[in-house]
Amino acid sequence: MKRLLISVLIAATTTAALAHSGATGIVKVRMDGMMVLGQSMKTLVGLTKTGDFDQAAVREAAKQIQSHSGQAMNERFPEGSLQSVSEAAPAIWQDWDRFIAISDELFDAAVELENNAANADFDLADSVKRMGATCSACHEPFRIKK
């Protein structure tokens, strides 16, 4: 499972970097935000793989995820903001309530992650797995794979 998640994150990061070349305006802003989310998840997955728990790195990743999810993410998807380079599917605006719910779920998970980072009994791997599932829950219906 860990290898699959790591592979998906690396592939998504590489593909997204290439896709950004023609993005402008709000589409570029949100694509850049998605890159931050991907990098933050990559950091967290790396920490679960090595077993080295770095409280500062966990907190920083959680803060980065918070800054690009929830309301911040929702504002980066104004209706009709589709450029040819965008990976956003029109389904976002057709099922806006679900999109918002998933974005808010990611934000809440990042807040929980930040709050629990100081807890010695905290299960980082489980938290990262749940956050990855939230990302997938959004990518499946709302992202066009290019």
Foldseek 3Di string as FASTA:
>chain_A
DLVVLLVVLVVVLVVLVVLLPPDDDLLNVLSVLVNLLSVLLNQLSVCVVVVPQDLVSQLVSLVSLLCNFAPNVLVSCDPPPDDPSHFWDNVCVVPVVVLNVLRVVLNVLSVVSNVCSVPPPDDSVVSSVVSSVSVVVCCVPTTHDD
